Amino acid sequence: ATVQSDAIPVYVHAFPSRIGPRAEPVRDGPK
């Protein structure tokens, strides 16, 4: 019999974002 699982593992995923590289603070931060 198939039953619902009471234990579910979760992972972190990394992806390339359209935002691209950023420097913070945005206005007065590094160029």
PDB file of all heavy atoms in Angstrom:
ATOM      1  N   ALA A   1       0.852  -1.191   0.000  1.00  0.00           N
ATOM      2  CA  ALA A   1       0.000   0.000   0.000  1.00  0.00           C
ATOM      3  C   ALA A   1       0.888   1.241   0.000  1.00  0.00           C
ATOM      4  O   ALA A   1       1.955   1.262   0.626  1.00  0.00           O
ATOM      5  CB  ALA A   1      -0.920  -0.007   1.211  1.00  0.00           C
ATOM      6  N   THR A   2       0.422   2.248  -0.721  1.00  0.00           N
ATOM      7  CA  THR A   2       1.138   3.527  -0.765  1.00  0.00           C
ATOM      8  C   THR A   2       0.472   4.504   0.187  1.00  0.00           C
ATOM      9  O   THR A   2      -0.757   4.682   0.156  1.00  0.00           O
ATOM     10  CB  THR A   2       1.131   4.100  -2.194  1.00  0.00           C
ATOM     11  OG1 THR A   2       1.753   3.162  -3.067  1.00  0.00           O
ATOM     12  CG2 THR A   2       1.885   5.413  -2.253  1.00  0.00           C
ATOM     13  N   VAL A   3       1.275   5.126   1.036  1.00  0.00           N
ATOM     14  CA  VAL A   3       0.758   6.047   2.045  1.00  0.00           C
ATOM     15  C   VAL A   3       1.505   7.371   1.947  1.00  0.00           C
ATOM     16  O   VAL A   3       2.570   7.462   1.349  1.00  0.00           O
ATOM     17  CB  VAL A   3       0.909   5.463   3.466  1.00  0.00           C
ATOM     18  CG1 VAL A   3       0.094   4.186   3.598  1.00  0.00           C
ATOM     19  CG2 VAL A   3       2.381   5.210   3.777  1.00  0.00           C
ATOM     20  N   GLN A   4       0.934   8.388   2.531  1.00  0.00           N
ATOM     21  CA  GLN A   4       1.604   9.676   2.586  1.00  0.00           C
ATOM     22  C   GLN A   4       2.820   9.594   3.482  1.00  0.00           C
ATOM     23  O   GLN A   4       2.813   8.918   4.508  1.00  0.00           O
ATOM     24  CB  GLN A   4       0.647  10.744   3.114  1.00  0.00           C
ATOM     25  CG  GLN A   4      -0.537  11.027   2.205  1.00  0.00           C
ATOM     26  CD  GLN A   4      -1.460  12.076   2.791  1.00  0.00           C
ATOM     27  OE1 GLN A   4      -1.290  12.488   3.932  1.00  0.00           O
ATOM     28  NE2 GLN A   4      -2.433  12.504   2.010  1.00  0.00           N
ATOM     29  N   SER A   5       3.875  10.315   3.088  1.00  0.00           N
ATOM     30  CA  SER A   5       5.103  10.307   3.876  1.00  0.00           C
ATOM     31  C   SER A   5       5.050  11.383   4.944  1.00  0.00           C
ATOM     32  O   SER A   5       4.610  12.518   4.688  1.00  0.00           O
ATOM     33  CB  SER A   5       6.310  10.542   2.964  1.00  0.00           C
ATOM     34  OG  SER A   5       7.495  10.638   3.722  1.00  0.00           O
ATOM     35  N   ASP A   6       5.492  11.028   6.127  1.00  0.00           N
ATOM     36  CA  ASP A   6       5.573  12.001   7.224  1.00  0.00           C
ATOM     37  C   ASP A   6       6.929  12.693   7.284  1.00  0.00           C
ATOM     38  O   ASP A   6       7.153  13.545   8.144  1.00  0.00           O
ATOM     39  CB  ASP A   6       5.321  11.305   8.557  1.00  0.00           C
ATOM     40  CG  ASP A   6       3.868  10.890   8.709  1.00  0.00           C
ATOM     41  OD1 ASP A   6       2.997  11.573   8.149  1.00  0.00           O
ATOM     42  OD2 ASP A   6       3.621   9.867   9.375  1.00  0.00           O
ATOM     43  N   ALA A   7       7.848  12.305   6.399  1.00  0.00           N
ATOM     44  CA  ALA A   7       9.199  12.873   6.408  1.00  0.00           C
ATOM     45  C   ALA A   7       9.592  13.228   4.973  1.00  0.00           C
ATOM     46  O   ALA A   7       9.623  12.352   4.107  1.00  0.00           O
ATOM     47  CB  ALA A   7      10.192  11.897   7.011  1.00  0.00           C
ATOM     48  N   ILE A   8       9.875  14.490   4.752  1.00  0.00           N
ATOM     49  CA  ILE A   8      10.210  14.969   3.404  1.00  0.00           C
ATOM     50  C   ILE A   8      11.494  15.791   3.468  1.00  0.00           C
ATOM     51  O   ILE A   8      11.542  16.824   4.149  1.00  0.00           O
ATOM     52  CB  ILE A   8       9.071  15.829   2.829  1.00  0.00           C
ATOM     53  CG1 ILE A   8       7.788  14.996   2.722  1.00  0.00           C
ATOM     54  CG2 ILE A   8       9.457  16.388   1.468  1.00  0.00           C
ATOM     55  CD1 ILE A   8       6.580  15.788   2.286  1.00  0.00           C
ATOM     56  N   PRO A   9      12.549  15.383   2.785  1.00  0.00           N
ATOM     57  CA  PRO A   9      13.788  16.169   2.778  1.00  0.00           C
ATOM     58  C   PRO A   9      13.665  17.375   1.851  1.00  0.00           C
ATOM     59  O   PRO A   9      12.980  17.333   0.819  1.00  0.00           O
ATOM     60  CB  PRO A   9      14.829  15.178   2.250  1.00  0.00           C
ATOM     61  CG  PRO A   9      14.039  14.215   1.417  1.00  0.00           C
ATOM     62  CD  PRO A   9      12.679  14.118   2.040  1.00  0.00           C
ATOM     63  N   VAL A  10      14.353  18.442   2.211  1.00  0.00           N
ATOM     64  CA  VAL A  10      14.347  19.689   1.432  1.00  0.00           C
ATOM     65  C   VAL A  10      15.789  20.072   1.137  1.00  0.00           C
ATOM     66  O   VAL A  10      16.663  19.978   2.002  1.00  0.00           O
ATOM     67  CB  VAL A  10      13.640  20.825   2.200  1.00  0.00           C
ATOM     68  CG1 VAL A  10      13.690  22.115   1.407  1.00  0.00           C
ATOM     69  CG2 VAL A  10      12.193  20.441   2.496  1.00  0.00           C
ATOM     70  N   TYR A  11      16.029  20.515  -0.110  1.00  0.00           N
ATOM     71  CA  TYR A  11      17.366  20.930  -0.533  1.00  0.00           C
ATOM     72  C   TYR A  11      17.367  22.387  -0.962  1.00  0.00           C
ATOM     73  O   TYR A  11      16.343  22.937  -1.394  1.00  0.00           O
ATOM     74  CB  TYR A  11      17.859  20.077  -1.703  1.00  0.00           C
ATOM     75  CG  TYR A  11      18.473  18.757  -1.298  1.00  0.00           C
ATOM     76  CD1 TYR A  11      17.765  17.569  -1.447  1.00  0.00           C
ATOM     77  CD2 TYR A  11      19.761  18.702  -0.782  1.00  0.00           C
ATOM     78  CE1 TYR A  11      18.329  16.351  -1.088  1.00  0.00           C
ATOM     79  CE2 TYR A  11      20.336  17.491  -0.421  1.00  0.00           C
ATOM     80  CZ  TYR A  11      19.615  16.323  -0.575  1.00  0.00           C
ATOM     81  OH  TYR A  11      20.182  15.135  -0.207  1.00  0.00           O
ATOM     82  N   VAL A  12      18.548  22.994  -0.864  1.00  0.00           N
ATOM     83  CA  VAL A  12      18.788  24.315  -1.444  1.00  0.00           C
ATOM     84  C   VAL A  12      19.207  24.131  -2.902  1.00  0.00           C
ATOM     85  O   VAL A  12      19.959  23.216  -3.226  1.00  0.00           O
ATOM     86  CB  VAL A  12      19.893  25.067  -0.671  1.00  0.00           C
ATOM     87  CG1 VAL A  12      20.213  26.396  -1.344  1.00  0.00           C
ATOM     88  CG2 VAL A  12      19.466  25.288   0.771  1.00  0.00           C
ATOM     89  N   HIS A  13      18.716  24.996  -3.777  1.00  0.00           N
ATOM     90  CA  HIS A  13      19.070  24.975  -5.194  1.00  0.00           C
ATOM     91  C   HIS A  13      19.666  26.330  -5.577  1.00  0.00           C
ATOM     92  O   HIS A  13      19.162  27.372  -5.160  1.00  0.00           O
ATOM     93  CB  HIS A  13      17.844  24.701  -6.065  1.00  0.00           C
ATOM     94  CG  HIS A  13      17.270  23.331  -5.885  1.00  0.00           C
ATOM     95  ND1 HIS A  13      17.342  22.356  -6.853  1.00  0.00           N
ATOM     96  CD2 HIS A  13      16.613  22.762  -4.836  1.00  0.00           C
ATOM     97  CE1 HIS A  13      16.755  21.256  -6.420  1.00  0.00           C
ATOM     98  NE2 HIS A  13      16.303  21.483  -5.190  1.00  0.00           N
ATOM     99  N   ALA A  14      20.730  26.302  -6.373  1.00  0.00           N
ATOM    100  CA  ALA A  14      21.370  27.521  -6.868  1.00  0.00           C
ATOM    101  C   ALA A  14      21.110  27.639  -8.364  1.00  0.00           C
ATOM    102  O   ALA A  14      21.201  26.656  -9.097  1.00  0.00           O
ATOM    103  CB  ALA A  14      22.873  27.501  -6.594  1.00  0.00           C
ATOM    104  N   PHE A  15      20.804  28.862  -8.818  1.00  0.00           N
ATOM    105  CA  PHE A  15      20.513  29.077 -10.227  1.00  0.00           C
ATOM    106  C   PHE A  15      21.058  30.437 -10.662  1.00  0.00           C
ATOM    107  O   PHE A  15      21.169  31.359  -9.844  1.00  0.00           O
ATOM    108  CB  PHE A  15      19.001  29.022 -10.479  1.00  0.00           C
ATOM    109  CG  PHE A  15      18.236  30.169  -9.847  1.00  0.00           C
ATOM    110  CD1 PHE A  15      17.908  31.306 -10.570  1.00  0.00           C
ATOM    111  CD2 PHE A  15      17.854  30.110  -8.510  1.00  0.00           C
ATOM    112  CE1 PHE A  15      17.222  32.359  -9.985  1.00  0.00           C
ATOM    113  CE2 PHE A  15      17.165  31.162  -7.911  1.00  0.00           C
ATOM    114  CZ  PHE A  15      16.852  32.285  -8.657  1.00  0.00           C
ATOM    115  N   PRO A  16      21.417  30.592 -11.941  1.00  0.00           N
ATOM    116  CA  PRO A  16      21.865  31.898 -12.434  1.00  0.00           C
ATOM    117  C   PRO A  16      20.673  32.823 -12.641  1.00  0.00           C
ATOM    118  O   PRO A  16      19.739  32.502 -13.381  1.00  0.00           O
ATOM    119  CB  PRO A  16      22.563  31.554 -13.761  1.00  0.00           C
ATOM    120  CG  PRO A  16      21.901  30.295 -14.215  1.00  0.00           C
ATOM    121  CD  PRO A  16      21.521  29.543 -12.976  1.00  0.00           C
ATOM    122  N   SER A  17      20.715  33.963 -12.004  1.00  0.00           N
ATOM    123  CA  SER A  17      19.584  34.880 -12.028  1.00  0.00           C
ATOM    124  C   SER A  17      19.744  35.935 -13.112  1.00  0.00           C
ATOM    125  O   SER A  17      20.855  36.365 -13.435  1.00  0.00           O
ATOM    126  CB  SER A  17      19.444  35.569 -10.665  1.00  0.00           C
ATOM    127  OG  SER A  17      18.513  36.625 -10.725  1.00  0.00           O
ATOM    128  N   ARG A  18      18.612  36.364 -13.652  1.00  0.00           N
ATOM    129  CA  ARG A  18      18.622  37.448 -14.636  1.00  0.00           C
ATOM    130  C   ARG A  18      19.069  38.766 -14.017  1.00  0.00           C
ATOM    131  O   ARG A  18      19.467  39.689 -14.725  1.00  0.00           O
ATOM    132  CB  ARG A  18      17.233  37.621 -15.256  1.00  0.00           C
ATOM    133  CG  ARG A  18      16.805  36.474 -16.148  1.00  0.00           C
ATOM    134  CD  ARG A  18      15.599  36.844 -16.981  1.00  0.00           C
ATOM    135  NE  ARG A  18      14.443  37.177 -16.179  1.00  0.00           N
ATOM    136  CZ  ARG A  18      13.506  36.300 -15.809  1.00  0.00           C
ATOM    137  NH1 ARG A  18      13.619  35.031 -16.175  1.00  0.00           N
ATOM    138  NH2 ARG A  18      12.472  36.681 -15.090  1.00  0.00           N
ATOM    139  N   ILE A  19      18.989  38.864 -12.706  1.00  0.00           N
ATOM    140  CA  ILE A  19      19.413  40.104 -12.039  1.00  0.00           C
ATOM    141  C   ILE A  19      20.893  40.344 -12.262  1.00  0.00           C
ATOM    142  O   ILE A  19      21.343  41.478 -12.403  1.00  0.00           O
ATOM    143  CB  ILE A  19      19.095  40.030 -10.535  1.00  0.00           C
ATOM    144  CG1 ILE A  19      17.585  39.922 -10.323  1.00  0.00           C
ATOM    145  CG2 ILE A  19      19.644  41.248  -9.807  1.00  0.00           C
ATOM    146  CD1 ILE A  19      17.204  39.739  -8.869  1.00  0.00           C
ATOM    147  N   GLY A  20      21.684  39.277 -12.315  1.00  0.00           N
ATOM    148  CA  GLY A  20      23.112  39.415 -12.569  1.00  0.00           C
ATOM    149  C   GLY A  20      23.876  39.864 -11.339  1.00  0.00           C
ATOM    150  O   GLY A  20      23.333  39.971 -10.231  1.00  0.00           O
ATOM    151  N   PRO A  21      25.164  40.162 -11.501  1.00  0.00           N
ATOM    152  CA  PRO A  21      25.988  40.598 -10.369  1.00  0.00           C
ATOM    153  C   PRO A  21      25.468  41.913  -9.780  1.00  0.00           C
ATOM    154  O   PRO A  21      24.966  42.782 -10.511  1.00  0.00           O
ATOM    155  CB  PRO A  21      27.379  40.780 -10.982  1.00  0.00           C
ATOM    156  CG  PRO A  21      27.339  39.995 -12.251  1.00  0.00           C
ATOM    157  CD  PRO A  21      25.941  40.046 -12.742  1.00  0.00           C
ATOM    158  N   ARG A  22      25.617  42.067  -8.487  1.00  0.00           N
ATOM    159  CA  ARG A  22      25.164  43.267  -7.799  1.00  0.00           C
ATOM    160  C   ARG A  22      26.179  43.671  -6.738  1.00  0.00           C
ATOM    161  O   ARG A  22      26.853  42.827  -6.161  1.00  0.00           O
ATOM    162  CB  ARG A  22      23.819  43.029  -7.108  1.00  0.00           C
ATOM    163  CG  ARG A  22      22.619  43.039  -8.054  1.00  0.00           C
ATOM    164  CD  ARG A  22      22.348  44.451  -8.555  1.00  0.00           C
ATOM    165  NE  ARG A  22      21.190  44.488  -9.434  1.00  0.00           N
ATOM    166  CZ  ARG A  22      19.944  44.706  -9.021  1.00  0.00           C
ATOM    167  NH1 ARG A  22      19.701  44.867  -7.742  1.00  0.00           N
ATOM    168  NH2 ARG A  22      18.964  44.753  -9.873  1.00  0.00           N
ATOM    169  N   ALA A  23      26.244  44.964  -6.499  1.00  0.00           N
ATOM    170  CA  ALA A  23      27.050  45.498  -5.404  1.00  0.00           C
ATOM    171  C   ALA A  23      26.107  46.183  -4.420  1.00  0.00           C
ATOM    172  O   ALA A  23      25.135  46.834  -4.828  1.00  0.00           O
ATOM    173  CB  ALA A  23      28.101  46.481  -5.913  1.00  0.00           C
ATOM    174  N   GLU A  24      26.367  46.037  -3.145  1.00  0.00           N
ATOM    175  CA  GLU A  24      25.534  46.634  -2.103  1.00  0.00           C
ATOM    176  C   GLU A  24      26.393  47.448  -1.154  1.00  0.00           C
ATOM    177  O   GLU A  24      27.519  47.029  -0.851  1.00  0.00           O
ATOM    178  CB  GLU A  24      24.801  45.527  -1.321  1.00  0.00           C
ATOM    179  CG  GLU A  24      23.867  44.698  -2.173  1.00  0.00           C
ATOM    180  CD  GLU A  24      23.252  43.530  -1.403  1.00  0.00           C
ATOM    181  OE1 GLU A  24      23.755  43.233  -0.287  1.00  0.00           O
ATOM    182  OE2 GLU A  24      22.301  42.933  -1.899  1.00  0.00           O
ATOM    183  N   PRO A  25      25.886  48.575  -0.683  1.00  0.00           N
ATOM    184  CA  PRO A  25      24.605  49.210  -0.989  1.00  0.00           C
ATOM    185  C   PRO A  25      24.512  49.616  -2.465  1.00  0.00           C
ATOM    186  O   PRO A  25      25.522  49.925  -3.097  1.00  0.00           O
ATOM    187  CB  PRO A  25      24.577  50.448  -0.078  1.00  0.00           C
ATOM    188  CG  PRO A  25      25.615  50.193   0.969  1.00  0.00           C
ATOM    189  CD  PRO A  25      26.654  49.354   0.313  1.00  0.00           C
ATOM    190  N   VAL A  26      23.294  49.645  -2.976  1.00  0.00           N
ATOM    191  CA  VAL A  26      23.090  49.858  -4.405  1.00  0.00           C
ATOM    192  C   VAL A  26      23.532  51.255  -4.815  1.00  0.00           C
ATOM    193  O   VAL A  26      24.203  51.434  -5.831  1.00  0.00           O
ATOM    194  CB  VAL A  26      21.611  49.620  -4.764  1.00  0.00           C
ATOM    195  CG1 VAL A  26      21.370  49.954  -6.227  1.00  0.00           C
ATOM    196  CG2 VAL A  26      21.231  48.177  -4.477  1.00  0.00           C
ATOM    197  N   ARG A  27      23.205  52.276  -4.044  1.00  0.00           N
ATOM    198  CA  ARG A  27      23.501  53.655  -4.458  1.00  0.00           C
ATOM    199  C   ARG A  27      24.924  54.075  -4.116  1.00  0.00           C
ATOM    200  O   ARG A  27      25.640  54.614  -4.949  1.00  0.00           O
ATOM    201  CB  ARG A  27      22.498  54.613  -3.805  1.00  0.00           C
ATOM    202  CG  ARG A  27      21.082  54.453  -4.334  1.00  0.00           C
ATOM    203  CD  ARG A  27      20.169  55.504  -3.731  1.00  0.00           C
ATOM    204  NE  ARG A  27      18.807  55.398  -4.253  1.00  0.00           N
ATOM    205  CZ  ARG A  27      17.812  56.186  -3.865  1.00  0.00           C
ATOM    206  NH1 ARG A  27      18.022  57.133  -2.943  1.00  0.00           N
ATOM    207  NH2 ARG A  27      16.604  56.027  -4.379  1.00  0.00           N
ATOM    208  N   ASP A  28      25.309  53.847  -2.882  1.00  0.00           N
ATOM    209  CA  ASP A  28      26.601  54.339  -2.414  1.00  0.00           C
ATOM    210  C   ASP A  28      27.633  53.238  -2.256  1.00  0.00           C
ATOM    211  O   ASP A  28      28.679  53.457  -1.646  1.00  0.00           O
ATOM    212  CB  ASP A  28      26.427  55.070  -1.073  1.00  0.00           C
ATOM    213  CG  ASP A  28      25.444  56.222  -1.163  1.00  0.00           C
ATOM    214  OD1 ASP A  28      25.425  56.869  -2.219  1.00  0.00           O
ATOM    215  OD2 ASP A  28      24.706  56.445  -0.195  1.00  0.00           O
ATOM    216  N   GLY A  29      27.358  52.067  -2.792  1.00  0.00           N
ATOM    217  CA  GLY A  29      28.258  50.944  -2.610  1.00  0.00           C
ATOM    218  C   GLY A  29      29.339  50.871  -3.670  1.00  0.00           C
ATOM    219  O   GLY A  29      29.562  51.825  -4.430  1.00  0.00           O
ATOM    220  N   PRO A  30      30.037  49.761  -3.749  1.00  0.00           N
ATOM    221  CA  PRO A  30      31.115  49.600  -4.722  1.00  0.00           C
ATOM    222  C   PRO A  30      30.583  49.693  -6.155  1.00  0.00           C
ATOM    223  O   PRO A  30      29.414  49.413  -6.427  1.00  0.00           O
ATOM    224  CB  PRO A  30      31.648  48.185  -4.428  1.00  0.00           C
ATOM    225  CG  PRO A  30      31.155  47.860  -3.059  1.00  0.00           C
ATOM    226  CD  PRO A  30      29.866  48.575  -2.897  1.00  0.00           C
ATOM    227  N   LYS A  31      31.475  50.062  -7.050  1.00  0.00           N
ATOM    228  CA  LYS A  31      31.146  50.131  -8.468  1.00  0.00           C
ATOM    229  C   LYS A  31      31.658  48.866  -9.151  1.00  0.00           C
ATOM    230  O   LYS A  31      32.832  48.540  -9.070  1.00  0.00           O
ATOM    231  CB  LYS A  31      31.782  51.362  -9.109  1.00  0.00           C
ATOM    232  CG  LYS A  31      31.539  51.465 -10.615  1.00  0.00           C
ATOM    233  CD  LYS A  31      32.260  52.657 -11.200  1.00  0.00           C
ATOM    234  CE  LYS A  31      32.065  52.722 -12.715  1.00  0.00           C
ATOM    235  NZ  LYS A  31      32.806  53.863 -13.319  1.00  0.00           N
TER     236      LYS A  31
END
